[in-house]
PDB file of N, CA and C in Angstrom:
ATOM      1  N   UNK A   1      15.711-101.222   9.336  1.00  0.00           N
ATOM      2  CA  UNK A   1      15.126-101.695  10.568  1.00  0.00           C
ATOM      3  C   UNK A   1      14.628-103.126  10.356  1.00  0.00           C
ATOM      4  N   UNK A   2      14.937-103.984  11.299  1.00  0.00           N
ATOM      5  CA  UNK A   2      14.523-105.367  11.204  1.00  0.00           C
ATOM      6  C   UNK A   2      13.032-105.497  11.494  1.00  0.00           C
ATOM      7  N   UNK A   3      12.381-106.314  10.722  1.00  0.00           N
ATOM      8  CA  UNK A   3      10.947-106.543  10.863  1.00  0.00           C
ATOM      9  C   UNK A   3      10.685-107.485  12.035  1.00  0.00           C
ATOM     10  N   UNK A   4       9.727-107.143  12.873  1.00  0.00           N
ATOM     11  CA  UNK A   4       9.388-107.972  14.022  1.00  0.00           C
ATOM     12  C   UNK A   4       8.484-109.116  13.584  1.00  0.00           C
ATOM     13  N   UNK A   5       8.784-110.296  14.053  1.00  0.00           N
ATOM     14  CA  UNK A   5       7.971-111.466  13.756  1.00  0.00           C
ATOM     15  C   UNK A   5       7.120-111.803  14.972  1.00  0.00           C
ATOM     16  N   UNK A   6       5.866-112.072  14.743  1.00  0.00           N
ATOM     17  CA  UNK A   6       4.963-112.445  15.822  1.00  0.00           C
ATOM     18  C   UNK A   6       4.701-113.943  15.742  1.00  0.00           C
ATOM     19  N   UNK A   7       4.770-114.611  16.890  1.00  0.00           N
ATOM     20  CA  UNK A   7       4.510-116.045  16.917  1.00  0.00           C
ATOM     21  C   UNK A   7       3.007-116.284  16.774  1.00  0.00           C
ATOM     22  N   UNK A   8       2.646-117.511  16.438  1.00  0.00           N
ATOM     23  CA  UNK A   8       1.228-117.853  16.320  1.00  0.00           C
ATOM     24  C   UNK A   8       0.511-117.601  17.638  1.00  0.00           C
ATOM     25  N   UNK A   9       1.181-117.917  18.736  1.00  0.00           N
ATOM     26  CA  UNK A   9       0.593-117.721  20.060  1.00  0.00           C
ATOM     27  C   UNK A   9       0.305-116.240  20.317  1.00  0.00           C
ATOM     28  N   UNK A  10       1.243-115.373  19.945  1.00  0.00           N
ATOM     29  CA  UNK A  10       1.045-113.936  20.128  1.00  0.00           C
ATOM     30  C   UNK A  10      -0.125-113.435  19.284  1.00  0.00           C
ATOM     31  N   UNK A  11      -0.220-113.906  18.062  1.00  0.00           N
ATOM     32  CA  UNK A  11      -1.307-113.495  17.178  1.00  0.00           C
ATOM     33  C   UNK A  11      -2.645-113.970  17.721  1.00  0.00           C
ATOM     34  N   UNK A  12      -2.708-115.198  18.202  1.00  0.00           N
ATOM     35  CA  UNK A  12      -3.945-115.733  18.765  1.00  0.00           C
ATOM     36  C   UNK A  12      -4.366-114.923  19.984  1.00  0.00           C
ATOM     37  N   UNK A  13      -3.422-114.600  20.862  1.00  0.00           N
ATOM     38  CA  UNK A  13      -3.732-113.790  22.042  1.00  0.00           C
ATOM     39  C   UNK A  13      -4.264-112.419  21.646  1.00  0.00           C
ATOM     40  N   UNK A  14      -3.632-111.810  20.662  1.00  0.00           N
ATOM     41  CA  UNK A  14      -4.050-110.498  20.178  1.00  0.00           C
ATOM     42  C   UNK A  14      -5.475-110.553  19.629  1.00  0.00           C
ATOM     43  N   UNK A  15      -5.765-111.562  18.816  1.00  0.00           N
ATOM     44  CA  UNK A  15      -7.096-111.683  18.225  1.00  0.00           C
ATOM     45  C   UNK A  15      -8.159-111.983  19.279  1.00  0.00           C
ATOM     46  N   UNK A  16      -7.801-112.763  20.298  1.00  0.00           N
ATOM     47  CA  UNK A  16      -8.748-113.045  21.384  1.00  0.00           C
ATOM     48  C   UNK A  16      -9.076-111.777  22.163  1.00  0.00           C
ATOM     49  N   UNK A  17      -8.054-110.957  22.418  1.00  0.00           N
ATOM     50  CA  UNK A  17      -8.281-109.694  23.125  1.00  0.00           C
ATOM     51  C   UNK A  17      -9.190-108.781  22.312  1.00  0.00           C
ATOM     52  N   UNK A  18      -8.959-108.727  21.010  1.00  0.00           N
ATOM     53  CA  UNK A  18      -9.782-107.882  20.137  1.00  0.00           C
ATOM     54  C   UNK A  18     -11.219-108.389  20.111  1.00  0.00           C
ATOM     55  N   UNK A  19     -11.375-109.698  20.079  1.00  0.00           N
ATOM     56  CA  UNK A  19     -12.714-110.292  20.062  1.00  0.00           C
ATOM     57  C   UNK A  19     -13.457-110.019  21.367  1.00  0.00           C
ATOM     58  N   UNK A  20     -12.710-109.908  22.459  1.00  0.00           N
ATOM     59  CA  UNK A  20     -13.309-109.654  23.767  1.00  0.00           C
ATOM     60  C   UNK A  20     -13.752-108.204  23.924  1.00  0.00           C
ATOM     61  N   UNK A  21     -13.386-107.350  22.954  1.00  0.00           N
ATOM     62  CA  UNK A  21     -13.861-105.975  22.995  1.00  0.00           C
ATOM     63  C   UNK A  21     -12.805-104.916  23.207  1.00  0.00           C
ATOM     64  N   UNK A  22     -11.542-105.291  23.147  1.00  0.00           N
ATOM     65  CA  UNK A  22     -10.473-104.303  23.319  1.00  0.00           C
ATOM     66  C   UNK A  22     -10.434-103.364  22.116  1.00  0.00           C
ATOM     67  N   UNK A  23     -10.013-102.134  22.350  1.00  0.00           N
ATOM     68  CA  UNK A  23      -9.879-101.150  21.275  1.00  0.00           C
ATOM     69  C   UNK A  23      -8.644-101.509  20.450  1.00  0.00           C
ATOM     70  N   UNK A  24      -8.823-101.614  19.141  1.00  0.00           N
ATOM     71  CA  UNK A  24      -7.762-102.089  18.253  1.00  0.00           C
ATOM     72  C   UNK A  24      -6.509-101.230  18.344  1.00  0.00           C
ATOM     73  N   UNK A  25      -6.660 -99.915  18.341  1.00  0.00           N
ATOM     74  CA  UNK A  25      -5.470 -99.052  18.378  1.00  0.00           C
ATOM     75  C   UNK A  25      -4.682 -99.237  19.665  1.00  0.00           C
ATOM     76  N   UNK A  26      -5.364 -99.371  20.797  1.00  0.00           N
ATOM     77  CA  UNK A  26      -4.677 -99.598  22.074  1.00  0.00           C
ATOM     78  C   UNK A  26      -4.018-100.970  22.092  1.00  0.00           C
ATOM     79  N   UNK A  27      -4.704-101.944  21.549  1.00  0.00           N
ATOM     80  CA  UNK A  27      -4.187-103.305  21.491  1.00  0.00           C
ATOM     81  C   UNK A  27      -2.907-103.367  20.656  1.00  0.00           C
ATOM     82  N   UNK A  28      -2.923-102.698  19.521  1.00  0.00           N
ATOM     83  CA  UNK A  28      -1.744-102.670  18.645  1.00  0.00           C
ATOM     84  C   UNK A  28      -0.575-101.977  19.328  1.00  0.00           C
ATOM     85  N   UNK A  29      -0.845-100.884  19.998  1.00  0.00           N
ATOM     86  CA  UNK A  29       0.213-100.151  20.703  1.00  0.00           C
ATOM     87  C   UNK A  29       0.814-101.035  21.797  1.00  0.00           C
ATOM     88  N   UNK A  30      -0.030-101.746  22.523  1.00  0.00           N
ATOM     89  CA  UNK A  30       0.416-102.611  23.615  1.00  0.00           C
ATOM     90  C   UNK A  30       1.350-103.723  23.107  1.00  0.00           C
ATOM     91  N   UNK A  31       1.034-104.265  21.932  1.00  0.00           N
ATOM     92  CA  UNK A  31       1.803-105.381  21.385  1.00  0.00           C
ATOM     93  C   UNK A  31       2.890-104.957  20.406  1.00  0.00           C
ATOM     94  N   UNK A  32       3.000-103.642  20.152  1.00  0.00           N
ATOM     95  CA  UNK A  32       4.030-103.155  19.245  1.00  0.00           C
ATOM     96  C   UNK A  32       3.764-103.492  17.793  1.00  0.00           C
ATOM     97  N   UNK A  33       2.503-103.464  17.408  1.00  0.00           N
ATOM     98  CA  UNK A  33       2.090-103.810  16.052  1.00  0.00           C
ATOM     99  C   UNK A  33       1.341-102.632  15.449  1.00  0.00           C
ATOM    100  N   UNK A  34       1.550-102.367  14.178  1.00  0.00           N
ATOM    101  CA  UNK A  34       0.789-101.294  13.537  1.00  0.00           C
ATOM    102  C   UNK A  34      -0.631-101.786  13.271  1.00  0.00           C
ATOM    103  N   UNK A  35      -1.558-100.854  13.161  1.00  0.00           N
ATOM    104  CA  UNK A  35      -2.943-101.249  12.892  1.00  0.00           C
ATOM    105  C   UNK A  35      -3.053-101.893  11.510  1.00  0.00           C
ATOM    106  N   UNK A  36      -2.223-101.453  10.564  1.00  0.00           N
ATOM    107  CA  UNK A  36      -2.232-102.064   9.230  1.00  0.00           C
ATOM    108  C   UNK A  36      -1.839-103.539   9.312  1.00  0.00           C
ATOM    109  N   UNK A  37      -0.828-103.836  10.112  1.00  0.00           N
ATOM    110  CA  UNK A  37      -0.402-105.224  10.294  1.00  0.00           C
ATOM    111  C   UNK A  37      -1.501-106.037  10.949  1.00  0.00           C
ATOM    112  N   UNK A  38      -2.203-105.440  11.905  1.00  0.00           N
ATOM    113  CA  UNK A  38      -3.315-106.121  12.572  1.00  0.00           C
ATOM    114  C   UNK A  38      -4.380-106.520  11.553  1.00  0.00           C
ATOM    115  N   UNK A  39      -4.792-105.558  10.718  1.00  0.00           N
ATOM    116  CA  UNK A  39      -5.847-105.833   9.744  1.00  0.00           C
ATOM    117  C   UNK A  39      -5.387-106.813   8.667  1.00  0.00           C
ATOM    118  N   UNK A  40      -4.115-106.753   8.279  1.00  0.00           N
ATOM    119  CA  UNK A  40      -3.570-107.723   7.328  1.00  0.00           C
ATOM    120  C   UNK A  40      -3.578-109.125   7.935  1.00  0.00           C
ATOM    121  N   UNK A  41      -3.236-109.218   9.211  1.00  0.00           N
ATOM    122  CA  UNK A  41      -3.234-110.502   9.904  1.00  0.00           C
ATOM    123  C   UNK A  41      -4.644-111.064   9.983  1.00  0.00           C
ATOM    124  N   UNK A  42      -5.613-110.215  10.302  1.00  0.00           N
ATOM    125  CA  UNK A  42      -7.011-110.648  10.355  1.00  0.00           C
ATOM    126  C   UNK A  42      -7.457-111.185   9.002  1.00  0.00           C
ATOM    127  N   UNK A  43      -7.104-110.487   7.941  1.00  0.00           N
ATOM    128  CA  UNK A  43      -7.476-110.927   6.597  1.00  0.00           C
ATOM    129  C   UNK A  43      -6.798-112.251   6.250  1.00  0.00           C
ATOM    130  N   UNK A  44      -5.541-112.388   6.664  1.00  0.00           N
ATOM    131  CA  UNK A  44      -4.782-113.599   6.349  1.00  0.00           C
ATOM    132  C   UNK A  44      -5.351-114.826   7.058  1.00  0.00           C
ATOM    133  N   UNK A  45      -5.776-114.670   8.300  1.00  0.00           N
ATOM    134  CA  UNK A  45      -6.282-115.817   9.053  1.00  0.00           C
ATOM    135  C   UNK A  45      -7.789-115.976   8.930  1.00  0.00           C
ATOM    136  N   UNK A  46      -8.435-115.044   8.234  1.00  0.00           N
ATOM    137  CA  UNK A  46      -9.863-115.176   7.972  1.00  0.00           C
ATOM    138  C   UNK A  46     -10.759-114.754   9.112  1.00  0.00           C
ATOM    139  N   UNK A  47     -10.338-113.764   9.883  1.00  0.00           N
ATOM    140  CA  UNK A  47     -11.139-113.271  10.995  1.00  0.00           C
ATOM    141  C   UNK A  47     -12.038-112.151  10.495  1.00  0.00           C
ATOM    142  N   UNK A  48     -13.321-112.204  10.863  1.00  0.00           N
ATOM    143  CA  UNK A  48     -14.247-111.129  10.515  1.00  0.00           C
ATOM    144  C   UNK A  48     -14.027-110.004  11.510  1.00  0.00           C
ATOM    145  N   UNK A  49     -13.476-108.879  11.044  1.00  0.00           N
ATOM    146  CA  UNK A  49     -13.102-107.799  11.946  1.00  0.00           C
ATOM    147  C   UNK A  49     -14.223-106.820  12.206  1.00  0.00           C
ATOM    148  N   UNK A  50     -15.234-106.799  11.380  1.00  0.00           N
ATOM    149  CA  UNK A  50     -16.358-105.889  11.608  1.00  0.00           C
ATOM    150  C   UNK A  50     -15.918-104.442  11.578  1.00  0.00           C
ATOM    151  N   UNK A  51     -16.404-103.651  12.525  1.00  0.00           N
ATOM    152  CA  UNK A  51     -16.062-102.231  12.566  1.00  0.00           C
ATOM    153  C   UNK A  51     -14.962-101.985  13.579  1.00  0.00           C
ATOM    154  N   UNK A  52     -14.233-100.901  13.379  1.00  0.00           N
ATOM    155  CA  UNK A  52     -13.171-100.509  14.309  1.00  0.00           C
ATOM    156  C   UNK A  52     -13.797-100.013  15.598  1.00  0.00           C
ATOM    157  N   UNK A  53     -13.271-100.469  16.726  1.00  0.00           N
ATOM    158  CA  UNK A  53     -13.836-100.064  18.020  1.00  0.00           C
ATOM    159  C   UNK A  53     -13.072 -98.924  18.584  1.00  0.00           C
TER     160      UNK A  53
END
């Protein structure tokens, strides 16, 4: 299976939605991203993720 690539714009939009209070699992499902990928992306870009909502 080919790995999906997310553009910087898509990642920024995703992180903004999460920061605004969206539930991470719903957000990941909406964007077709696993929660593991979400948390790896947060760690890579240096976002403080706090607790899972």
